[in-house]
């Protein structure tokens, strides 16, 4: 099982948020740093089986809607893969 920790603590900028995501989840170079690209990569190109998200409550207020969307996509991804040989799971520690 491959685990990763996505630390969003104190993240202030859109670009910084996506750089952390890309690095933590080892997304490919073509990752487009937007929500559509996040979904495509988390659902198709990510080999992390368990993701721990920390610091999501400490991001800049402008990023909170985006982070909420990302957390929702993690749940969608969990449901998508739940009955397969490669289940995905996550936890949020803020």
PDB file of N, CA and C in Angstrom:
ATOM      1  N   UNK A   1       0.845  -1.181   0.000  1.00  0.00           N
ATOM      2  CA  UNK A   1       0.000   0.000   0.000  1.00  0.00           C
ATOM      3  C   UNK A   1       0.886   1.238   0.000  1.00  0.00           C
ATOM      4  N   UNK A   2       0.640   2.129  -0.932  1.00  0.00           N
ATOM      5  CA  UNK A   2       1.400   3.367  -1.002  1.00  0.00           C
ATOM      6  C   UNK A   2       0.611   4.475  -0.307  1.00  0.00           C
ATOM      7  N   UNK A   3       1.256   5.116   0.673  1.00  0.00           N
ATOM      8  CA  UNK A   3       0.635   6.191   1.441  1.00  0.00           C
ATOM      9  C   UNK A   3       1.348   7.500   1.156  1.00  0.00           C
ATOM     10  N   UNK A   4       0.607   8.597   1.304  1.00  0.00           N
ATOM     11  CA  UNK A   4       1.184   9.928   1.130  1.00  0.00           C
ATOM     12  C   UNK A   4       0.495  10.894   2.082  1.00  0.00           C
ATOM     13  N   UNK A   5       1.211  11.968   2.406  1.00  0.00           N
ATOM     14  CA  UNK A   5       0.659  13.023   3.251  1.00  0.00           C
ATOM     15  C   UNK A   5       0.692  14.322   2.463  1.00  0.00           C
ATOM     16  N   UNK A   6      -0.474  14.899   2.253  1.00  0.00           N
ATOM     17  CA  UNK A   6      -0.599  16.184   1.579  1.00  0.00           C
ATOM     18  C   UNK A   6      -0.727  17.251   2.654  1.00  0.00           C
ATOM     19  N   UNK A   7       0.324  18.036   2.822  1.00  0.00           N
ATOM     20  CA  UNK A   7       0.340  19.078   3.850  1.00  0.00           C
ATOM     21  C   UNK A   7      -0.023  20.416   3.216  1.00  0.00           C
ATOM     22  N   UNK A   8      -1.196  20.910   3.569  1.00  0.00           N
ATOM     23  CA  UNK A   8      -1.681  22.183   3.044  1.00  0.00           C
ATOM     24  C   UNK A   8      -1.520  23.317   4.056  1.00  0.00           C
ATOM     25  N   UNK A   9      -0.849  23.069   5.143  1.00  0.00           N
ATOM     26  CA  UNK A   9      -0.722  24.032   6.225  1.00  0.00           C
ATOM     27  C   UNK A   9      -0.214  25.377   5.717  1.00  0.00           C
ATOM     28  N   UNK A  10      -1.010  26.406   5.965  1.00  0.00           N
ATOM     29  CA  UNK A  10      -0.624  27.762   5.628  1.00  0.00           C
ATOM     30  C   UNK A  10      -0.554  28.082   4.156  1.00  0.00           C
ATOM     31  N   UNK A  11      -1.086  27.246   3.322  1.00  0.00           N
ATOM     32  CA  UNK A  11      -1.036  27.485   1.872  1.00  0.00           C
ATOM     33  C   UNK A  11      -1.834  28.752   1.551  1.00  0.00           C
ATOM     34  N   UNK A  12      -1.208  29.666   0.785  1.00  0.00           N
ATOM     35  CA  UNK A  12      -1.826  30.962   0.526  1.00  0.00           C
ATOM     36  C   UNK A  12      -2.208  31.200  -0.931  1.00  0.00           C
ATOM     37  N   UNK A  13      -1.584  30.478  -1.846  1.00  0.00           N
ATOM     38  CA  UNK A  13      -1.761  30.791  -3.254  1.00  0.00           C
ATOM     39  C   UNK A  13      -2.156  29.553  -4.062  1.00  0.00           C
ATOM     40  N   UNK A  14      -2.948  29.796  -5.105  1.00  0.00           N
ATOM     41  CA  UNK A  14      -3.427  28.738  -6.004  1.00  0.00           C
ATOM     42  C   UNK A  14      -2.268  27.903  -6.540  1.00  0.00           C
ATOM     43  N   UNK A  15      -1.244  28.570  -7.050  1.00  0.00           N
ATOM     44  CA  UNK A  15      -0.108  27.871  -7.644  1.00  0.00           C
ATOM     45  C   UNK A  15       0.617  27.022  -6.590  1.00  0.00           C
ATOM     46  N   UNK A  16       0.763  27.564  -5.398  1.00  0.00           N
ATOM     47  CA  UNK A  16       1.406  26.830  -4.307  1.00  0.00           C
ATOM     48  C   UNK A  16       0.601  25.579  -3.951  1.00  0.00           C
ATOM     49  N   UNK A  17      -0.703  25.714  -3.899  1.00  0.00           N
ATOM     50  CA  UNK A  17      -1.582  24.581  -3.600  1.00  0.00           C
ATOM     51  C   UNK A  17      -1.359  23.455  -4.605  1.00  0.00           C
ATOM     52  N   UNK A  18      -1.364  23.792  -5.871  1.00  0.00           N
ATOM     53  CA  UNK A  18      -1.221  22.760  -6.893  1.00  0.00           C
ATOM     54  C   UNK A  18       0.199  22.205  -6.965  1.00  0.00           C
ATOM     55  N   UNK A  19       1.183  23.005  -6.642  1.00  0.00           N
ATOM     56  CA  UNK A  19       2.555  22.476  -6.583  1.00  0.00           C
ATOM     57  C   UNK A  19       2.669  21.424  -5.482  1.00  0.00           C
ATOM     58  N   UNK A  20       2.052  21.685  -4.328  1.00  0.00           N
ATOM     59  CA  UNK A  20       2.078  20.708  -3.230  1.00  0.00           C
ATOM     60  C   UNK A  20       1.364  19.429  -3.636  1.00  0.00           C
ATOM     61  N   UNK A  21       0.216  19.578  -4.286  1.00  0.00           N
ATOM     62  CA  UNK A  21      -0.536  18.412  -4.753  1.00  0.00           C
ATOM     63  C   UNK A  21       0.306  17.609  -5.741  1.00  0.00           C
ATOM     64  N   UNK A  22       0.859  18.296  -6.725  1.00  0.00           N
ATOM     65  CA  UNK A  22       1.640  17.619  -7.770  1.00  0.00           C
ATOM     66  C   UNK A  22       2.823  16.864  -7.177  1.00  0.00           C
ATOM     67  N   UNK A  23       3.535  17.497  -6.269  1.00  0.00           N
ATOM     68  CA  UNK A  23       4.710  16.865  -5.668  1.00  0.00           C
ATOM     69  C   UNK A  23       4.309  15.676  -4.799  1.00  0.00           C
ATOM     70  N   UNK A  24       3.333  15.870  -3.930  1.00  0.00           N
ATOM     71  CA  UNK A  24       2.925  14.814  -3.005  1.00  0.00           C
ATOM     72  C   UNK A  24       2.395  13.593  -3.724  1.00  0.00           C
ATOM     73  N   UNK A  25       1.553  13.823  -4.720  1.00  0.00           N
ATOM     74  CA  UNK A  25       0.893  12.709  -5.412  1.00  0.00           C
ATOM     75  C   UNK A  25       1.659  12.249  -6.647  1.00  0.00           C
ATOM     76  N   UNK A  26       2.812  12.868  -6.878  1.00  0.00           N
ATOM     77  CA  UNK A  26       3.667  12.505  -8.007  1.00  0.00           C
ATOM     78  C   UNK A  26       2.897  12.533  -9.325  1.00  0.00           C
ATOM     79  N   UNK A  27       2.130  13.615  -9.501  1.00  0.00           N
ATOM     80  CA  UNK A  27       1.389  13.780 -10.743  1.00  0.00           C
ATOM     81  C   UNK A  27       2.368  14.038 -11.884  1.00  0.00           C
ATOM     82  N   UNK A  28       1.981  13.690 -13.097  1.00  0.00           N
ATOM     83  CA  UNK A  28       2.865  13.869 -14.260  1.00  0.00           C
ATOM     84  C   UNK A  28       3.091  15.346 -14.588  1.00  0.00           C
ATOM     85  N   UNK A  29       4.099  15.599 -15.382  1.00  0.00           N
ATOM     86  CA  UNK A  29       4.451  16.967 -15.761  1.00  0.00           C
ATOM     87  C   UNK A  29       3.303  17.696 -16.451  1.00  0.00           C
ATOM     88  N   UNK A  30       2.440  16.970 -17.109  1.00  0.00           N
ATOM     89  CA  UNK A  30       1.343  17.620 -17.824  1.00  0.00           C
ATOM     90  C   UNK A  30       0.169  18.004 -16.918  1.00  0.00           C
ATOM     91  N   UNK A  31       0.300  17.804 -15.607  1.00  0.00           N
ATOM     92  CA  UNK A  31      -0.758  18.196 -14.671  1.00  0.00           C
ATOM     93  C   UNK A  31      -1.072  19.675 -14.861  1.00  0.00           C
ATOM     94  N   UNK A  32      -2.310  19.989 -15.155  1.00  0.00           N
ATOM     95  CA  UNK A  32      -2.715  21.331 -15.545  1.00  0.00           C
ATOM     96  C   UNK A  32      -3.010  22.303 -14.422  1.00  0.00           C
ATOM     97  N   UNK A  33      -2.827  21.911 -13.183  1.00  0.00           N
ATOM     98  CA  UNK A  33      -3.035  22.781 -12.021  1.00  0.00           C
ATOM     99  C   UNK A  33      -4.414  23.434 -12.017  1.00  0.00           C
ATOM    100  N   UNK A  34      -5.446  22.621 -12.196  1.00  0.00           N
ATOM    101  CA  UNK A  34      -6.826  23.070 -12.060  1.00  0.00           C
ATOM    102  C   UNK A  34      -7.653  21.881 -11.580  1.00  0.00           C
ATOM    103  N   UNK A  35      -8.907  22.110 -11.250  1.00  0.00           N
ATOM    104  CA  UNK A  35      -9.721  21.042 -10.661  1.00  0.00           C
ATOM    105  C   UNK A  35     -10.005  19.904 -11.641  1.00  0.00           C
ATOM    106  N   UNK A  36     -10.199  20.220 -12.908  1.00  0.00           N
ATOM    107  CA  UNK A  36     -10.410  19.146 -13.889  1.00  0.00           C
ATOM    108  C   UNK A  36      -9.173  18.259 -13.993  1.00  0.00           C
ATOM    109  N   UNK A  37      -8.009  18.892 -14.019  1.00  0.00           N
ATOM    110  CA  UNK A  37      -6.761  18.126 -14.086  1.00  0.00           C
ATOM    111  C   UNK A  37      -6.550  17.322 -12.814  1.00  0.00           C
ATOM    112  N   UNK A  38      -6.935  17.889 -11.667  1.00  0.00           N
ATOM    113  CA  UNK A  38      -6.818  17.147 -10.411  1.00  0.00           C
ATOM    114  C   UNK A  38      -7.655  15.871 -10.475  1.00  0.00           C
ATOM    115  N   UNK A  39      -8.893  15.993 -10.919  1.00  0.00           N
ATOM    116  CA  UNK A  39      -9.752  14.807 -11.013  1.00  0.00           C
ATOM    117  C   UNK A  39      -9.156  13.773 -11.961  1.00  0.00           C
ATOM    118  N   UNK A  40      -8.726  14.207 -13.120  1.00  0.00           N
ATOM    119  CA  UNK A  40      -8.154  13.273 -14.087  1.00  0.00           C
ATOM    120  C   UNK A  40      -6.958  12.537 -13.501  1.00  0.00           C
ATOM    121  N   UNK A  41      -6.088  13.268 -12.830  1.00  0.00           N
ATOM    122  CA  UNK A  41      -4.868  12.647 -12.302  1.00  0.00           C
ATOM    123  C   UNK A  41      -5.135  11.796 -11.062  1.00  0.00           C
ATOM    124  N   UNK A  42      -5.991  12.247 -10.170  1.00  0.00           N
ATOM    125  CA  UNK A  42      -6.259  11.457  -8.954  1.00  0.00           C
ATOM    126  C   UNK A  42      -6.980  10.163  -9.332  1.00  0.00           C
ATOM    127  N   UNK A  43      -7.796  10.239 -10.353  1.00  0.00           N
ATOM    128  CA  UNK A  43      -8.592   9.087 -10.755  1.00  0.00           C
ATOM    129  C   UNK A  43      -7.857   8.140 -11.696  1.00  0.00           C
ATOM    130  N   UNK A  44      -6.867   8.658 -12.432  1.00  0.00           N
ATOM    131  CA  UNK A  44      -6.259   7.858 -13.481  1.00  0.00           C
ATOM    132  C   UNK A  44      -4.752   7.674 -13.325  1.00  0.00           C
ATOM    133  N   UNK A  45      -4.052   8.708 -12.867  1.00  0.00           N
ATOM    134  CA  UNK A  45      -2.588   8.686 -12.897  1.00  0.00           C
ATOM    135  C   UNK A  45      -1.934   8.577 -11.521  1.00  0.00           C
ATOM    136  N   UNK A  46      -2.708   8.388 -10.497  1.00  0.00           N
ATOM    137  CA  UNK A  46      -2.169   8.394  -9.137  1.00  0.00           C
ATOM    138  C   UNK A  46      -2.086   6.973  -8.602  1.00  0.00           C
ATOM    139  N   UNK A  47      -0.930   6.615  -8.056  1.00  0.00           N
ATOM    140  CA  UNK A  47      -0.805   5.270  -7.493  1.00  0.00           C
ATOM    141  C   UNK A  47      -0.801   5.278  -5.961  1.00  0.00           C
ATOM    142  N   UNK A  48      -1.197   6.401  -5.358  1.00  0.00           N
ATOM    143  CA  UNK A  48      -1.339   6.473  -3.902  1.00  0.00           C
ATOM    144  C   UNK A  48      -2.629   5.761  -3.519  1.00  0.00           C
ATOM    145  N   UNK A  49      -2.513   4.860  -2.551  1.00  0.00           N
ATOM    146  CA  UNK A  49      -3.681   4.107  -2.080  1.00  0.00           C
ATOM    147  C   UNK A  49      -4.360   4.765  -0.888  1.00  0.00           C
ATOM    148  N   UNK A  50      -3.566   5.485  -0.094  1.00  0.00           N
ATOM    149  CA  UNK A  50      -4.109   6.135   1.104  1.00  0.00           C
ATOM    150  C   UNK A  50      -3.470   7.505   1.245  1.00  0.00           C
ATOM    151  N   UNK A  51      -4.309   8.532   1.285  1.00  0.00           N
ATOM    152  CA  UNK A  51      -3.834   9.908   1.371  1.00  0.00           C
ATOM    153  C   UNK A  51      -4.295  10.523   2.686  1.00  0.00           C
ATOM    154  N   UNK A  52      -3.366  11.095   3.416  1.00  0.00           N
ATOM    155  CA  UNK A  52      -3.680  11.871   4.606  1.00  0.00           C
ATOM    156  C   UNK A  52      -3.532  13.345   4.244  1.00  0.00           C
ATOM    157  N   UNK A  53      -4.581  14.110   4.485  1.00  0.00           N
ATOM    158  CA  UNK A  53      -4.561  15.546   4.211  1.00  0.00           C
ATOM    159  C   UNK A  53      -4.476  16.275   5.547  1.00  0.00           C
ATOM    160  N   UNK A  54      -3.458  17.113   5.699  1.00  0.00           N
ATOM    161  CA  UNK A  54      -3.311  17.900   6.922  1.00  0.00           C
ATOM    162  C   UNK A  54      -3.307  19.382   6.564  1.00  0.00           C
ATOM    163  N   UNK A  55      -3.796  20.179   7.492  1.00  0.00           N
ATOM    164  CA  UNK A  55      -3.751  21.621   7.335  1.00  0.00           C
ATOM    165  C   UNK A  55      -4.796  22.217   6.420  1.00  0.00           C
ATOM    166  N   UNK A  56      -5.798  21.465   6.034  1.00  0.00           N
ATOM    167  CA  UNK A  56      -6.792  22.002   5.093  1.00  0.00           C
ATOM    168  C   UNK A  56      -7.574  23.173   5.682  1.00  0.00           C
ATOM    169  N   UNK A  57      -7.694  23.223   6.994  1.00  0.00           N
ATOM    170  CA  UNK A  57      -8.430  24.324   7.620  1.00  0.00           C
ATOM    171  C   UNK A  57      -7.580  25.580   7.769  1.00  0.00           C
ATOM    172  N   UNK A  58      -6.305  25.505   7.428  1.00  0.00           N
ATOM    173  CA  UNK A  58      -5.410  26.655   7.606  1.00  0.00           C
ATOM    174  C   UNK A  58      -5.069  27.364   6.295  1.00  0.00           C
ATOM    175  N   UNK A  59      -5.658  26.931   5.194  1.00  0.00           N
ATOM    176  CA  UNK A  59      -5.360  27.584   3.914  1.00  0.00           C
ATOM    177  C   UNK A  59      -5.992  28.974   3.894  1.00  0.00           C
ATOM    178  N   UNK A  60      -5.482  29.823   3.015  1.00  0.00           N
ATOM    179  CA  UNK A  60      -6.035  31.169   2.859  1.00  0.00           C
ATOM    180  C   UNK A  60      -7.520  31.084   2.515  1.00  0.00           C
ATOM    181  N   UNK A  61      -8.280  32.056   2.976  1.00  0.00           N
ATOM    182  CA  UNK A  61      -9.737  32.028   2.777  1.00  0.00           C
ATOM    183  C   UNK A  61     -10.112  31.933   1.301  1.00  0.00           C
ATOM    184  N   UNK A  62      -9.311  32.521   0.419  1.00  0.00           N
ATOM    185  CA  UNK A  62      -9.606  32.466  -1.019  1.00  0.00           C
ATOM    186  C   UNK A  62      -9.492  31.037  -1.565  1.00  0.00           C
ATOM    187  N   UNK A  63      -8.718  30.202  -0.893  1.00  0.00           N
ATOM    188  CA  UNK A  63      -8.506  28.826  -1.364  1.00  0.00           C
ATOM    189  C   UNK A  63      -9.501  27.829  -0.770  1.00  0.00           C
ATOM    190  N   UNK A  64     -10.228  28.226   0.256  1.00  0.00           N
ATOM    191  CA  UNK A  64     -11.124  27.281   0.939  1.00  0.00           C
ATOM    192  C   UNK A  64     -12.138  26.622  -0.006  1.00  0.00           C
ATOM    193  N   UNK A  65     -12.800  27.351  -0.910  1.00  0.00           N
ATOM    194  CA  UNK A  65     -13.726  26.675  -1.838  1.00  0.00           C
ATOM    195  C   UNK A  65     -13.025  25.641  -2.719  1.00  0.00           C
ATOM    196  N   UNK A  66     -11.820  25.947  -3.154  1.00  0.00           N
ATOM    197  CA  UNK A  66     -11.055  25.010  -3.979  1.00  0.00           C
ATOM    198  C   UNK A  66     -10.682  23.776  -3.182  1.00  0.00           C
ATOM    199  N   UNK A  67     -10.222  23.984  -1.950  1.00  0.00           N
ATOM    200  CA  UNK A  67      -9.853  22.852  -1.093  1.00  0.00           C
ATOM    201  C   UNK A  67     -11.087  22.001  -0.799  1.00  0.00           C
ATOM    202  N   UNK A  68     -12.221  22.635  -0.556  1.00  0.00           N
ATOM    203  CA  UNK A  68     -13.454  21.869  -0.337  1.00  0.00           C
ATOM    204  C   UNK A  68     -13.790  21.020  -1.559  1.00  0.00           C
ATOM    205  N   UNK A  69     -13.603  21.577  -2.745  1.00  0.00           N
ATOM    206  CA  UNK A  69     -13.846  20.815  -3.979  1.00  0.00           C
ATOM    207  C   UNK A  69     -12.887  19.633  -4.086  1.00  0.00           C
ATOM    208  N   UNK A  70     -11.639  19.865  -3.755  1.00  0.00           N
ATOM    209  CA  UNK A  70     -10.632  18.798  -3.803  1.00  0.00           C
ATOM    210  C   UNK A  70     -10.986  17.686  -2.824  1.00  0.00           C
ATOM    211  N   UNK A  71     -11.402  18.059  -1.628  1.00  0.00           N
ATOM    212  CA  UNK A  71     -11.790  17.038  -0.640  1.00  0.00           C
ATOM    213  C   UNK A  71     -13.006  16.258  -1.124  1.00  0.00           C
ATOM    214  N   UNK A  72     -13.933  16.933  -1.774  1.00  0.00           N
ATOM    215  CA  UNK A  72     -15.084  16.241  -2.358  1.00  0.00           C
ATOM    216  C   UNK A  72     -14.665  15.264  -3.447  1.00  0.00           C
ATOM    217  N   UNK A  73     -13.686  15.649  -4.230  1.00  0.00           N
ATOM    218  CA  UNK A  73     -13.186  14.756  -5.282  1.00  0.00           C
ATOM    219  C   UNK A  73     -12.472  13.552  -4.696  1.00  0.00           C
ATOM    220  N   UNK A  74     -11.827  13.726  -3.566  1.00  0.00           N
ATOM    221  CA  UNK A  74     -11.206  12.574  -2.902  1.00  0.00           C
ATOM    222  C   UNK A  74     -12.283  11.566  -2.513  1.00  0.00           C
ATOM    223  N   UNK A  75     -13.415  12.057  -2.017  1.00  0.00           N
ATOM    224  CA  UNK A  75     -14.515  11.156  -1.661  1.00  0.00           C
ATOM    225  C   UNK A  75     -15.077  10.475  -2.910  1.00  0.00           C
ATOM    226  N   UNK A  76     -15.238  11.228  -3.987  1.00  0.00           N
ATOM    227  CA  UNK A  76     -15.715  10.635  -5.239  1.00  0.00           C
ATOM    228  C   UNK A  76     -14.756   9.557  -5.721  1.00  0.00           C
ATOM    229  N   UNK A  77     -13.466   9.822  -5.617  1.00  0.00           N
ATOM    230  CA  UNK A  77     -12.468   8.847  -6.048  1.00  0.00           C
ATOM    231  C   UNK A  77     -12.520   7.595  -5.174  1.00  0.00           C
ATOM    232  N   UNK A  78     -12.712   7.792  -3.888  1.00  0.00           N
ATOM    233  CA  UNK A  78     -12.851   6.653  -2.965  1.00  0.00           C
ATOM    234  C   UNK A  78     -14.033   5.781  -3.387  1.00  0.00           C
ATOM    235  N   UNK A  79     -15.163   6.410  -3.663  1.00  0.00           N
ATOM    236  CA  UNK A  79     -16.354   5.661  -4.066  1.00  0.00           C
ATOM    237  C   UNK A  79     -16.148   4.975  -5.423  1.00  0.00           C
ATOM    238  N   UNK A  80     -15.478   5.642  -6.329  1.00  0.00           N
ATOM    239  CA  UNK A  80     -15.229   5.096  -7.660  1.00  0.00           C
ATOM    240  C   UNK A  80     -14.422   3.797  -7.585  1.00  0.00           C
ATOM    241  N   UNK A  81     -13.407   3.749  -6.726  1.00  0.00           N
ATOM    242  CA  UNK A  81     -12.493   2.614  -6.657  1.00  0.00           C
ATOM    243  C   UNK A  81     -12.824   1.615  -5.556  1.00  0.00           C
ATOM    244  N   UNK A  82     -13.879   1.828  -4.782  1.00  0.00           N
ATOM    245  CA  UNK A  82     -14.103   1.023  -3.574  1.00  0.00           C
ATOM    246  C   UNK A  82     -14.291  -0.474  -3.828  1.00  0.00           C
ATOM    247  N   UNK A  83     -14.879  -0.875  -4.894  1.00  0.00           N
ATOM    248  CA  UNK A  83     -15.133  -2.296  -5.140  1.00  0.00           C
ATOM    249  C   UNK A  83     -14.167  -2.887  -6.158  1.00  0.00           C
ATOM    250  N   UNK A  84     -12.964  -2.360  -6.202  1.00  0.00           N
ATOM    251  CA  UNK A  84     -11.969  -2.844  -7.154  1.00  0.00           C
ATOM    252  C   UNK A  84     -10.776  -3.444  -6.412  1.00  0.00           C
ATOM    253  N   UNK A  85      -9.836  -3.949  -7.166  1.00  0.00           N
ATOM    254  CA  UNK A  85      -8.611  -4.488  -6.572  1.00  0.00           C
ATOM    255  C   UNK A  85      -7.672  -3.380  -6.101  1.00  0.00           C
ATOM    256  N   UNK A  86      -7.946  -2.159  -6.478  1.00  0.00           N
ATOM    257  CA  UNK A  86      -7.081  -1.020  -6.146  1.00  0.00           C
ATOM    258  C   UNK A  86      -7.875   0.060  -5.423  1.00  0.00           C
ATOM    259  N   UNK A  87      -8.407  -0.233  -4.236  1.00  0.00           N
ATOM    260  CA  UNK A  87      -9.209   0.786  -3.546  1.00  0.00           C
ATOM    261  C   UNK A  87      -8.364   1.985  -3.124  1.00  0.00           C
ATOM    262  N   UNK A  88      -9.001   3.126  -3.044  1.00  0.00           N
ATOM    263  CA  UNK A  88      -8.381   4.372  -2.607  1.00  0.00           C
ATOM    264  C   UNK A  88      -9.081   4.821  -1.340  1.00  0.00           C
ATOM    265  N   UNK A  89      -8.318   5.362  -0.404  1.00  0.00           N
ATOM    266  CA  UNK A  89      -8.926   5.917   0.800  1.00  0.00           C
ATOM    267  C   UNK A  89      -8.133   7.134   1.241  1.00  0.00           C
ATOM    268  N   UNK A  90      -8.703   7.890   2.125  1.00  0.00           N
ATOM    269  CA  UNK A  90      -8.073   9.114   2.609  1.00  0.00           C
ATOM    270  C   UNK A  90      -8.582   9.452   4.002  1.00  0.00           C
ATOM    271  N   UNK A  91      -7.861  10.344   4.666  1.00  0.00           N
ATOM    272  CA  UNK A  91      -8.312  10.903   5.932  1.00  0.00           C
ATOM    273  C   UNK A  91      -7.926  12.377   5.954  1.00  0.00           C
ATOM    274  N   UNK A  92      -8.699  13.169   6.680  1.00  0.00           N
ATOM    275  CA  UNK A  92      -8.416  14.583   6.799  1.00  0.00           C
ATOM    276  C   UNK A  92      -8.076  14.882   8.254  1.00  0.00           C
ATOM    277  N   UNK A  93      -6.874  15.362   8.472  1.00  0.00           N
ATOM    278  CA  UNK A  93      -6.423  15.763   9.795  1.00  0.00           C
ATOM    279  C   UNK A  93      -6.097  17.243   9.724  1.00  0.00           C
ATOM    280  N   UNK A  94      -6.877  18.056  10.376  1.00  0.00           N
ATOM    281  CA  UNK A  94      -6.613  19.505  10.278  1.00  0.00           C
ATOM    282  C   UNK A  94      -6.117  20.080  11.562  1.00  0.00           C
TER     283      UNK A  94
END
